[in-house]
Amino acid sequence: MAKHPNHATHEAPAEAATPAPAPLVLSFGNFSTPVSALPESTLSRLLAYGFGKMLQDAASGTVKKLTTLGESVAKGTATADEAKAWAELVGKHPDHETPEALAIAVATEQQAARFKQMQEGTLNVRSAGAPRVVGIDKLRLDAAKEILAMFAKAKGAKLPKADSPEYAAMLTKVQVAKAAEIEAKVQAQMALAESLKDSDIFG
């Protein structure tokens, strides 16, 4: 029996395939490898080491520095500003009787803040007073920010504030999806810098 013209079937348009993200690449100096090329045992070791190192770096030197400060205040050899800073810390941590105990408490807070950044994906966003990213990591971060800005410009969109969780989430997506492009830009910059060492630009 012929189909009624009003009951003609229509095929749903095929959904566009989502492009696969660029492979994540690890690089250090002259060494570079896609993460996918590493065995699971190596990845487990890298993650465990990196996790601990990130938390350790978050409070690097804190215990020694604050313990020394507390002892200086107790001996009366601290400056007025140092004594004021110590008094503020004691006010925030009244339950810790010794300088070392207070210093450990502050270091633990710093590590807790870093752990929260790991969970939220905001590690690459520098807040006021936070340590600056330097070296090759700084180059990678700048490259990712540049690509994100290009995306926003192409879309005619306005980026959220650089210290916001929304910006951090966007930046993380770029770092994952465009890892190969970011690494290529970084390596090109490093190669250019290396070539300029032997130039006679400055005579």
N, C-alpha and C. Protein backbone atom coordinates (compact mmCIF):
# COMPACT_ATOMS: atom_id res chain seq x y z
N MET A 1 0.86 -1.18 0.00
CA MET A 1 0.00 0.00 0.00
C MET A 1 0.89 1.23 0.00
N ALA A 2 0.56 2.22 -0.82
CA ALA A 2 1.37 3.44 -0.93
C ALA A 2 1.25 4.26 0.33
N LYS A 3 2.34 4.90 0.72
CA LYS A 3 2.34 5.73 1.92
C LYS A 3 1.61 7.04 1.64
N HIS A 4 0.88 7.51 2.64
CA HIS A 4 0.18 8.79 2.52
C HIS A 4 1.23 9.89 2.45
N PRO A 5 1.07 10.85 1.56
CA PRO A 5 2.08 11.90 1.41
C PRO A 5 2.33 12.68 2.70
N ASN A 6 1.27 12.76 3.53
CA ASN A 6 1.43 13.51 4.78
C ASN A 6 2.18 12.71 5.84
N HIS A 7 2.38 11.43 5.57
CA HIS A 7 3.03 10.56 6.54
C HIS A 7 4.43 10.15 6.09
N ALA A 8 5.04 10.96 5.25
CA ALA A 8 6.37 10.64 4.74
C ALA A 8 7.37 10.58 5.89
N THR A 9 8.27 9.62 5.84
CA THR A 9 9.26 9.48 6.91
C THR A 9 10.46 10.38 6.63
N HIS A 10 11.03 10.88 7.71
CA HIS A 10 12.20 11.76 7.58
C HIS A 10 13.31 11.21 8.45
N GLU A 11 14.47 11.05 7.85
CA GLU A 11 15.62 10.56 8.61
C GLU A 11 16.24 11.71 9.42
N ALA A 12 16.54 11.41 10.67
CA ALA A 12 17.16 12.42 11.53
C ALA A 12 18.57 12.70 11.03
N PRO A 13 18.95 13.97 11.00
CA PRO A 13 20.32 14.28 10.53
C PRO A 13 21.36 13.66 11.45
N ALA A 14 22.39 13.16 10.85
CA ALA A 14 23.46 12.51 11.63
C ALA A 14 24.19 13.56 12.47
N GLU A 15 24.46 13.21 13.70
CA GLU A 15 25.18 14.12 14.59
C GLU A 15 26.65 14.18 14.19
N ALA A 16 27.16 15.39 14.22
CA ALA A 16 28.57 15.56 13.89
C ALA A 16 29.43 14.88 14.94
N ALA A 17 30.43 14.19 14.49
CA ALA A 17 31.31 13.48 15.41
C ALA A 17 32.14 14.49 16.22
N THR A 18 32.25 14.25 17.51
CA THR A 18 33.04 15.11 18.37
C THR A 18 34.52 14.83 18.12
N PRO A 19 35.27 15.88 17.76
CA PRO A 19 36.70 15.64 17.48
C PRO A 19 37.43 15.16 18.73
N ALA A 20 38.30 14.22 18.53
CA ALA A 20 39.06 13.68 19.66
C ALA A 20 40.06 14.72 20.14
N PRO A 21 40.23 14.85 21.45
CA PRO A 21 41.19 15.82 21.97
C PRO A 21 42.61 15.45 21.58
N ALA A 22 43.43 16.47 21.45
CA ALA A 22 44.83 16.23 21.11
C ALA A 22 45.50 15.45 22.24
N PRO A 23 46.45 14.58 21.91
CA PRO A 23 47.10 13.78 22.95
C PRO A 23 47.87 14.66 23.93
N LEU A 24 47.83 14.28 25.20
CA LEU A 24 48.57 15.00 26.22
C LEU A 24 50.03 14.60 26.13
N VAL A 25 50.90 15.60 26.06
CA VAL A 25 52.33 15.35 25.88
C VAL A 25 53.09 15.85 27.11
N LEU A 26 54.02 15.02 27.59
CA LEU A 26 54.90 15.42 28.68
C LEU A 26 56.24 15.82 28.08
N SER A 27 56.77 16.97 28.50
CA SER A 27 58.04 17.44 27.96
C SER A 27 58.92 18.01 29.07
N PHE A 28 60.20 17.78 28.93
CA PHE A 28 61.19 18.35 29.84
C PHE A 28 62.50 18.46 29.08
N GLY A 29 62.93 19.69 28.84
CA GLY A 29 64.17 19.88 28.07
C GLY A 29 64.07 19.23 26.70
N ASN A 30 64.99 18.31 26.41
CA ASN A 30 65.00 17.64 25.11
C ASN A 30 64.15 16.37 25.08
N PHE A 31 63.46 16.07 26.18
CA PHE A 31 62.69 14.84 26.28
C PHE A 31 61.19 15.14 26.15
N SER A 32 60.51 14.33 25.36
CA SER A 32 59.08 14.53 25.15
C SER A 32 58.43 13.20 24.80
N THR A 33 57.25 12.96 25.35
CA THR A 33 56.52 11.72 25.05
C THR A 33 55.03 11.90 25.27
N PRO A 34 54.19 11.33 24.40
CA PRO A 34 52.75 11.34 24.66
C PRO A 34 52.46 10.49 25.92
N VAL A 35 51.53 10.91 26.71
CA VAL A 35 51.17 10.16 27.91
C VAL A 35 50.71 8.76 27.55
N SER A 36 50.02 8.64 26.41
CA SER A 36 49.49 7.34 25.99
C SER A 36 50.58 6.32 25.70
N ALA A 37 51.83 6.79 25.49
CA ALA A 37 52.91 5.87 25.17
C ALA A 37 53.58 5.30 26.41
N LEU A 38 53.21 5.79 27.57
CA LEU A 38 53.83 5.35 28.81
C LEU A 38 53.07 4.18 29.42
N PRO A 39 53.78 3.20 30.00
CA PRO A 39 53.10 2.07 30.65
C PRO A 39 52.39 2.53 31.92
N GLU A 40 51.41 1.74 32.33
CA GLU A 40 50.60 2.09 33.50
C GLU A 40 51.45 2.24 34.76
N SER A 41 52.46 1.41 34.90
CA SER A 41 53.30 1.48 36.08
C SER A 41 54.02 2.83 36.17
N THR A 42 54.46 3.34 35.01
CA THR A 42 55.13 4.64 34.98
C THR A 42 54.14 5.76 35.31
N LEU A 43 52.96 5.69 34.72
CA LEU A 43 51.95 6.71 34.98
C LEU A 43 51.56 6.73 36.46
N SER A 44 51.43 5.57 37.06
CA SER A 44 51.08 5.50 38.47
C SER A 44 52.15 6.17 39.33
N ARG A 45 53.41 5.91 38.97
CA ARG A 45 54.52 6.51 39.70
C ARG A 45 54.55 8.02 39.52
N LEU A 46 54.33 8.47 38.28
CA LEU A 46 54.33 9.90 37.99
C LEU A 46 53.22 10.62 38.75
N LEU A 47 52.03 10.02 38.75
CA LEU A 47 50.91 10.64 39.45
C LEU A 47 51.14 10.70 40.96
N ALA A 48 51.66 9.60 41.49
CA ALA A 48 51.91 9.56 42.93
C ALA A 48 52.97 10.59 43.32
N TYR A 49 54.03 10.64 42.52
CA TYR A 49 55.11 11.58 42.82
C TYR A 49 54.63 13.03 42.63
N GLY A 50 53.95 13.27 41.52
CA GLY A 50 53.47 14.62 41.24
C GLY A 50 52.47 15.11 42.27
N PHE A 51 51.60 14.21 42.70
CA PHE A 51 50.59 14.56 43.72
C PHE A 51 51.27 15.01 45.01
N GLY A 52 52.23 14.20 45.46
CA GLY A 52 52.95 14.53 46.68
C GLY A 52 53.80 15.78 46.54
N LYS A 53 54.44 15.93 45.36
CA LYS A 53 55.32 17.09 45.13
C LYS A 53 54.51 18.38 45.11
N MET A 54 53.34 18.35 44.51
CA MET A 54 52.51 19.55 44.45
C MET A 54 52.09 19.99 45.85
N LEU A 55 51.72 19.03 46.68
CA LEU A 55 51.32 19.36 48.05
C LEU A 55 52.53 19.81 48.87
N GLN A 56 53.65 19.17 48.65
CA GLN A 56 54.87 19.55 49.37
C GLN A 56 55.29 20.97 49.01
N ASP A 57 55.26 21.29 47.71
CA ASP A 57 55.66 22.62 47.26
C ASP A 57 54.73 23.71 47.78
N ALA A 58 53.46 23.35 48.02
CA ALA A 58 52.49 24.34 48.50
C ALA A 58 52.90 24.93 49.83
N ALA A 59 53.63 24.15 50.63
CA ALA A 59 54.04 24.61 51.96
C ALA A 59 55.56 24.58 52.11
N SER A 60 56.26 24.67 50.99
CA SER A 60 57.72 24.58 51.01
C SER A 60 58.34 25.66 51.89
N GLY A 61 59.10 25.25 52.88
CA GLY A 61 59.79 26.20 53.75
C GLY A 61 58.95 26.81 54.85
N THR A 62 57.65 26.56 54.84
CA THR A 62 56.76 27.22 55.81
C THR A 62 57.10 26.84 57.24
N VAL A 63 57.26 25.54 57.51
CA VAL A 63 57.49 25.09 58.89
C VAL A 63 58.79 25.69 59.44
N LYS A 64 59.86 25.61 58.66
CA LYS A 64 61.15 26.14 59.12
C LYS A 64 61.08 27.65 59.32
N LYS A 65 60.49 28.33 58.37
CA LYS A 65 60.42 29.79 58.42
C LYS A 65 59.61 30.28 59.62
N LEU A 66 58.43 29.69 59.83
CA LEU A 66 57.57 30.15 60.92
C LEU A 66 58.10 29.70 62.29
N THR A 67 58.71 28.52 62.33
CA THR A 67 59.30 28.08 63.59
C THR A 67 60.40 29.03 64.03
N THR A 68 61.24 29.42 63.07
CA THR A 68 62.32 30.37 63.35
C THR A 68 61.76 31.73 63.77
N LEU A 69 60.69 32.15 63.11
CA LEU A 69 60.06 33.42 63.45
C LEU A 69 59.52 33.40 64.88
N GLY A 70 58.82 32.30 65.23
CA GLY A 70 58.26 32.19 66.57
C GLY A 70 59.33 32.19 67.65
N GLU A 71 60.43 31.52 67.37
CA GLU A 71 61.53 31.48 68.34
C GLU A 71 62.18 32.86 68.49
N SER A 72 62.26 33.61 67.39
CA SER A 72 62.83 34.96 67.44
C SER A 72 61.95 35.88 68.28
N VAL A 73 60.63 35.73 68.12
CA VAL A 73 59.70 36.54 68.91
C VAL A 73 59.85 36.20 70.39
N ALA A 74 59.97 34.90 70.69
CA ALA A 74 60.11 34.47 72.08
C ALA A 74 61.39 35.00 72.71
N LYS A 75 62.46 35.11 71.92
CA LYS A 75 63.75 35.60 72.42
C LYS A 75 63.82 37.13 72.45
N GLY A 76 62.85 37.78 71.79
CA GLY A 76 62.86 39.23 71.75
C GLY A 76 63.77 39.81 70.69
N THR A 77 64.16 38.99 69.72
CA THR A 77 65.07 39.46 68.67
C THR A 77 64.35 39.76 67.35
N ALA A 78 63.04 39.58 67.32
CA ALA A 78 62.26 39.83 66.10
C ALA A 78 62.01 41.33 65.93
N THR A 79 61.82 41.75 64.68
CA THR A 79 61.48 43.15 64.41
C THR A 79 60.01 43.39 64.79
N ALA A 80 59.61 44.64 64.80
CA ALA A 80 58.24 44.99 65.14
C ALA A 80 57.25 44.37 64.16
N ASP A 81 57.61 44.41 62.86
CA ASP A 81 56.72 43.83 61.84
C ASP A 81 56.63 42.31 61.99
N GLU A 82 57.76 41.67 62.30
CA GLU A 82 57.76 40.23 62.49
C GLU A 82 56.92 39.84 63.71
N ALA A 83 57.06 40.60 64.77
CA ALA A 83 56.28 40.33 65.99
C ALA A 83 54.78 40.51 65.73
N LYS A 84 54.44 41.52 64.94
CA LYS A 84 53.04 41.75 64.60
C LYS A 84 52.49 40.60 63.77
N ALA A 85 53.26 40.15 62.77
CA ALA A 85 52.83 39.03 61.92
C ALA A 85 52.65 37.77 62.75
N TRP A 86 53.55 37.54 63.68
CA TRP A 86 53.45 36.35 64.53
C TRP A 86 52.21 36.43 65.42
N ALA A 87 51.95 37.60 65.96
CA ALA A 87 50.78 37.78 66.83
C ALA A 87 49.49 37.50 66.06
N GLU A 88 49.45 37.90 64.80
CA GLU A 88 48.26 37.63 63.97
C GLU A 88 48.09 36.13 63.75
N LEU A 89 49.19 35.43 63.53
CA LEU A 89 49.12 33.98 63.36
C LEU A 89 48.64 33.29 64.63
N VAL A 90 49.18 33.73 65.76
CA VAL A 90 48.78 33.15 67.04
C VAL A 90 47.29 33.39 67.27
N GLY A 91 46.81 34.57 66.88
CA GLY A 91 45.38 34.87 67.04
C GLY A 91 44.50 33.95 66.22
N LYS A 92 45.01 33.53 65.06
CA LYS A 92 44.24 32.64 64.19
C LYS A 92 44.36 31.17 64.63
N HIS A 93 45.42 30.85 65.36
CA HIS A 93 45.66 29.46 65.78
C HIS A 93 45.97 29.44 67.29
N PRO A 94 45.00 29.79 68.11
CA PRO A 94 45.26 29.88 69.56
C PRO A 94 45.50 28.54 70.25
N ASP A 95 45.16 27.44 69.59
CA ASP A 95 45.27 26.12 70.24
C ASP A 95 46.65 25.50 70.12
N HIS A 96 47.57 26.16 69.44
CA HIS A 96 48.90 25.59 69.23
C HIS A 96 49.90 26.32 70.13
N GLU A 97 50.49 25.57 71.05
CA GLU A 97 51.31 26.18 72.09
C GLU A 97 52.73 26.50 71.67
N THR A 98 53.31 25.72 70.76
CA THR A 98 54.70 25.93 70.38
C THR A 98 54.78 26.51 68.97
N PRO A 99 55.86 27.21 68.66
CA PRO A 99 56.05 27.75 67.30
C PRO A 99 55.98 26.66 66.23
N GLU A 100 56.58 25.51 66.51
CA GLU A 100 56.58 24.43 65.52
C GLU A 100 55.17 23.91 65.27
N ALA A 101 54.37 23.76 66.32
CA ALA A 101 52.99 23.28 66.16
C ALA A 101 52.17 24.26 65.34
N LEU A 102 52.36 25.56 65.59
CA LEU A 102 51.64 26.57 64.82
C LEU A 102 52.09 26.56 63.36
N ALA A 103 53.39 26.42 63.15
CA ALA A 103 53.93 26.38 61.79
C ALA A 103 53.38 25.19 61.01
N ILE A 104 53.27 24.05 61.66
CA ILE A 104 52.72 22.85 61.01
C ILE A 104 51.26 23.07 60.65
N ALA A 105 50.53 23.75 61.53
CA ALA A 105 49.11 24.03 61.27
C ALA A 105 48.96 24.92 60.04
N VAL A 106 49.80 25.95 59.92
CA VAL A 106 49.74 26.84 58.76
C VAL A 106 50.11 26.09 57.49
N ALA A 107 51.15 25.26 57.55
CA ALA A 107 51.56 24.48 56.38
C ALA A 107 50.45 23.54 55.93
N THR A 108 49.75 22.95 56.90
CA THR A 108 48.64 22.05 56.57
C THR A 108 47.53 22.81 55.86
N GLU A 109 47.27 24.04 56.29
CA GLU A 109 46.26 24.86 55.63
C GLU A 109 46.66 25.17 54.19
N GLN A 110 47.92 25.46 53.98
CA GLN A 110 48.41 25.74 52.63
C GLN A 110 48.25 24.52 51.73
N GLN A 111 48.54 23.35 52.27
CA GLN A 111 48.39 22.12 51.49
C GLN A 111 46.93 21.81 51.21
N ALA A 112 46.06 22.12 52.17
CA ALA A 112 44.62 21.91 51.97
C ALA A 112 44.11 22.81 50.84
N ALA A 113 44.62 24.05 50.80
CA ALA A 113 44.22 24.97 49.74
C ALA A 113 44.69 24.46 48.38
N ARG A 114 45.91 23.92 48.32
CA ARG A 114 46.44 23.37 47.07
C ARG A 114 45.62 22.15 46.63
N PHE A 115 45.25 21.30 47.59
CA PHE A 115 44.45 20.11 47.28
C PHE A 115 43.10 20.52 46.70
N LYS A 116 42.52 21.58 47.25
CA LYS A 116 41.24 22.07 46.73
C LYS A 116 41.40 22.56 45.30
N GLN A 117 42.53 23.22 45.01
CA GLN A 117 42.79 23.66 43.63
C GLN A 117 42.89 22.47 42.69
N MET A 118 43.51 21.39 43.15
CA MET A 118 43.61 20.18 42.33
C MET A 118 42.22 19.66 41.99
N GLN A 119 41.36 19.63 42.99
CA GLN A 119 40.02 19.10 42.78
C GLN A 119 39.18 19.98 41.87
N GLU A 120 39.38 21.29 41.97
CA GLU A 120 38.56 22.24 41.21
C GLU A 120 39.15 22.56 39.84
N GLY A 121 40.39 22.13 39.60
CA GLY A 121 41.02 22.44 38.31
C GLY A 121 41.47 23.88 38.19
N THR A 122 41.82 24.52 39.32
CA THR A 122 42.22 25.92 39.30
C THR A 122 43.71 26.11 39.59
N LEU A 123 44.51 25.08 39.39
CA LEU A 123 45.93 25.16 39.71
C LEU A 123 46.67 26.21 38.90
N ASN A 124 46.25 26.47 37.67
CA ASN A 124 47.00 27.37 36.81
C ASN A 124 46.56 28.81 36.89
N VAL A 125 45.63 29.11 37.81
CA VAL A 125 45.19 30.48 37.98
C VAL A 125 45.86 31.06 39.21
N ARG A 126 46.65 32.09 39.02
CA ARG A 126 47.40 32.66 40.13
C ARG A 126 46.57 33.70 40.84
N SER A 127 46.27 33.49 42.11
CA SER A 127 45.56 34.48 42.91
C SER A 127 46.57 35.44 43.51
N ALA A 128 46.07 36.54 44.07
CA ALA A 128 46.94 37.54 44.66
C ALA A 128 47.79 36.92 45.76
N GLY A 129 49.08 37.14 45.69
CA GLY A 129 49.97 36.62 46.72
C GLY A 129 50.47 35.22 46.45
N ALA A 130 49.94 34.55 45.43
CA ALA A 130 50.37 33.19 45.13
C ALA A 130 51.68 33.23 44.36
N PRO A 131 52.49 32.17 44.43
CA PRO A 131 53.77 32.16 43.71
C PRO A 131 53.56 32.15 42.21
N ARG A 132 54.45 32.81 41.50
CA ARG A 132 54.34 32.88 40.05
C ARG A 132 54.85 31.59 39.41
N VAL A 133 54.23 31.26 38.27
CA VAL A 133 54.70 30.13 37.49
C VAL A 133 55.90 30.60 36.69
N VAL A 134 56.98 29.83 36.67
CA VAL A 134 58.20 30.27 36.01
C VAL A 134 58.70 29.21 35.05
N GLY A 135 59.72 29.59 34.25
CA GLY A 135 60.36 28.64 33.35
C GLY A 135 59.45 28.12 32.25
N ILE A 136 59.67 26.86 31.89
CA ILE A 136 58.91 26.28 30.79
C ILE A 136 57.43 26.16 31.12
N ASP A 137 57.10 25.99 32.39
CA ASP A 137 55.69 25.95 32.78
C ASP A 137 55.01 27.28 32.51
N LYS A 138 55.76 28.36 32.70
CA LYS A 138 55.22 29.70 32.41
C LYS A 138 54.96 29.84 30.92
N LEU A 139 55.87 29.33 30.09
CA LEU A 139 55.67 29.38 28.65
C LEU A 139 54.43 28.60 28.23
N ARG A 140 54.25 27.42 28.82
CA ARG A 140 53.08 26.60 28.49
C ARG A 140 51.79 27.30 28.92
N LEU A 141 51.81 27.90 30.09
CA LEU A 141 50.63 28.59 30.59
C LEU A 141 50.29 29.79 29.71
N ASP A 142 51.31 30.55 29.31
CA ASP A 142 51.08 31.71 28.45
C ASP A 142 50.53 31.28 27.10
N ALA A 143 51.04 30.16 26.57
CA ALA A 143 50.56 29.66 25.28
C ALA A 143 49.10 29.25 25.36
N ALA A 144 48.73 28.58 26.46
CA ALA A 144 47.34 28.17 26.64
C ALA A 144 46.43 29.38 26.75
N LYS A 145 46.88 30.40 27.48
CA LYS A 145 46.07 31.62 27.62
C LYS A 145 45.90 32.31 26.28
N GLU A 146 46.95 32.30 25.47
CA GLU A 146 46.89 32.92 24.15
C GLU A 146 45.88 32.21 23.26
N ILE A 147 45.89 30.88 23.29
CA ILE A 147 44.95 30.11 22.48
C ILE A 147 43.52 30.33 22.97
N LEU A 148 43.33 30.39 24.29
CA LEU A 148 42.00 30.63 24.84
C LEU A 148 41.48 31.99 24.40
N ALA A 149 42.35 33.00 24.41
CA ALA A 149 41.95 34.34 23.97
C ALA A 149 41.57 34.34 22.49
N MET A 150 42.29 33.54 21.69
CA MET A 150 41.98 33.44 20.26
C MET A 150 40.61 32.80 20.06
N PHE A 151 40.31 31.76 20.84
CA PHE A 151 39.00 31.11 20.77
C PHE A 151 37.89 32.12 21.07
N ALA A 152 38.10 32.87 22.14
CA ALA A 152 37.08 33.84 22.56
C ALA A 152 36.86 34.90 21.49
N LYS A 153 37.96 35.37 20.90
CA LYS A 153 37.86 36.38 19.86
C LYS A 153 37.13 35.84 18.64
N ALA A 154 37.44 34.60 18.26
CA ALA A 154 36.79 33.98 17.11
C ALA A 154 35.29 33.80 17.33
N LYS A 155 34.91 33.54 18.59
CA LYS A 155 33.50 33.33 18.93
C LYS A 155 32.78 34.63 19.24
N GLY A 156 33.56 35.71 19.35
CA GLY A 156 32.95 36.99 19.73
C GLY A 156 32.47 36.96 21.17
N ALA A 157 33.14 36.14 21.99
CA ALA A 157 32.72 35.97 23.38
C ALA A 157 33.68 36.70 24.32
N LYS A 158 33.16 37.06 25.48
CA LYS A 158 33.98 37.73 26.49
C LYS A 158 34.40 36.70 27.53
N LEU A 159 35.69 36.65 27.80
CA LEU A 159 36.20 35.70 28.79
C LEU A 159 35.89 36.17 30.21
N PRO A 160 35.66 35.22 31.12
CA PRO A 160 35.48 35.60 32.53
C PRO A 160 36.80 36.12 33.11
N LYS A 161 36.73 36.67 34.30
CA LYS A 161 37.94 37.19 34.94
C LYS A 161 38.98 36.09 35.11
N ALA A 162 40.25 36.47 34.97
CA ALA A 162 41.33 35.49 34.99
C ALA A 162 41.48 34.77 36.32
N ASP A 163 40.97 35.34 37.40
CA ASP A 163 41.09 34.69 38.71
C ASP A 163 39.82 33.95 39.11
N SER A 164 38.94 33.73 38.14
CA SER A 164 37.67 33.06 38.44
C SER A 164 37.75 31.56 38.14
N PRO A 165 36.95 30.74 38.83
CA PRO A 165 36.90 29.30 38.54
C PRO A 165 36.47 29.01 37.12
N GLU A 166 35.61 29.89 36.54
CA GLU A 166 35.14 29.68 35.18
C GLU A 166 36.29 29.79 34.18
N TYR A 167 37.15 30.78 34.40
CA TYR A 167 38.31 30.94 33.52
C TYR A 167 39.26 29.75 33.67
N ALA A 168 39.45 29.32 34.91
CA ALA A 168 40.34 28.19 35.16
C ALA A 168 39.84 26.93 34.45
N ALA A 169 38.52 26.72 34.47
CA ALA A 169 37.95 25.54 33.81
C ALA A 169 38.16 25.61 32.30
N MET A 170 37.96 26.81 31.72
CA MET A 170 38.19 26.98 30.28
C MET A 170 39.65 26.74 29.93
N LEU A 171 40.54 27.26 30.76
CA LEU A 171 41.97 27.12 30.51
C LEU A 171 42.40 25.66 30.56
N THR A 172 41.83 24.93 31.50
CA THR A 172 42.15 23.50 31.61
C THR A 172 41.71 22.74 30.36
N LYS A 173 40.53 23.07 29.84
CA LYS A 173 40.04 22.43 28.62
C LYS A 173 40.99 22.69 27.45
N VAL A 174 41.46 23.92 27.35
CA VAL A 174 42.40 24.27 26.28
C VAL A 174 43.70 23.50 26.44
N GLN A 175 44.18 23.40 27.68
CA GLN A 175 45.44 22.70 27.93
C GLN A 175 45.36 21.23 27.55
N VAL A 176 44.20 20.64 27.70
CA VAL A 176 44.02 19.23 27.36
C VAL A 176 43.79 19.06 25.85
N ALA A 177 42.85 19.86 25.30
CA ALA A 177 42.47 19.71 23.90
C ALA A 177 43.56 20.18 22.94
N LYS A 178 44.37 21.14 23.37
CA LYS A 178 45.38 21.72 22.49
C LYS A 178 46.80 21.49 23.02
N ALA A 179 46.99 20.38 23.70
CA ALA A 179 48.29 20.09 24.31
C ALA A 179 49.41 20.07 23.28
N ALA A 180 49.16 19.47 22.14
CA ALA A 180 50.19 19.36 21.10
C ALA A 180 50.55 20.74 20.56
N GLU A 181 49.53 21.58 20.29
CA GLU A 181 49.78 22.92 19.78
C GLU A 181 50.54 23.77 20.81
N ILE A 182 50.16 23.63 22.06
CA ILE A 182 50.83 24.37 23.13
C ILE A 182 52.30 23.99 23.20
N GLU A 183 52.56 22.69 23.16
CA GLU A 183 53.94 22.22 23.25
C GLU A 183 54.75 22.68 22.04
N ALA A 184 54.13 22.70 20.87
CA ALA A 184 54.82 23.15 19.67
C ALA A 184 55.22 24.62 19.79
N LYS A 185 54.31 25.44 20.33
CA LYS A 185 54.60 26.86 20.51
C LYS A 185 55.75 27.05 21.50
N VAL A 186 55.71 26.28 22.58
CA VAL A 186 56.73 26.40 23.61
C VAL A 186 58.11 26.00 23.07
N GLN A 187 58.14 24.87 22.37
CA GLN A 187 59.41 24.40 21.82
C GLN A 187 59.97 25.39 20.79
N ALA A 188 59.06 26.02 20.01
CA ALA A 188 59.50 27.01 19.04
C ALA A 188 60.11 28.22 19.73
N GLN A 189 59.48 28.66 20.83
CA GLN A 189 60.01 29.79 21.59
C GLN A 189 61.37 29.47 22.19
N MET A 190 61.50 28.25 22.72
CA MET A 190 62.77 27.86 23.32
C MET A 190 63.87 27.75 22.26
N ALA A 191 63.51 27.24 21.10
CA ALA A 191 64.49 27.12 20.02
C ALA A 191 64.93 28.51 19.56
N LEU A 192 63.98 29.45 19.48
CA LEU A 192 64.33 30.81 19.08
C LEU A 192 65.25 31.46 20.11
N ALA A 193 64.91 31.29 21.38
CA ALA A 193 65.74 31.85 22.44
C ALA A 193 67.16 31.27 22.39
N GLU A 194 67.25 29.98 22.12
CA GLU A 194 68.56 29.33 22.04
C GLU A 194 69.37 29.87 20.87
N SER A 195 68.69 30.10 19.74
CA SER A 195 69.39 30.58 18.55
C SER A 195 69.89 32.01 18.73
N LEU A 196 69.19 32.76 19.58
CA LEU A 196 69.58 34.16 19.78
C LEU A 196 70.82 34.30 20.66
N LYS A 197 71.18 33.24 21.37
CA LYS A 197 72.36 33.31 22.22
C LYS A 197 73.62 33.59 21.42
N ASP A 198 73.66 33.05 20.21
CA ASP A 198 74.86 33.20 19.38
C ASP A 198 74.73 34.34 18.35
N SER A 199 73.63 35.11 18.47
CA SER A 199 73.45 36.18 17.49
C SER A 199 74.29 37.38 17.85
N ASP A 200 74.44 38.29 16.90
CA ASP A 200 75.22 39.49 17.14
C ASP A 200 74.32 40.73 17.22
N ILE A 201 73.09 40.53 17.67
CA ILE A 201 72.13 41.63 17.74
C ILE A 201 72.66 42.77 18.60
N PHE A 202 73.29 42.39 19.73
CA PHE A 202 73.78 43.40 20.66
C PHE A 202 75.27 43.66 20.50
N GLY A 203 75.79 43.25 19.34
CA GLY A 203 77.18 43.54 19.07
C GLY A 203 78.14 42.52 19.64
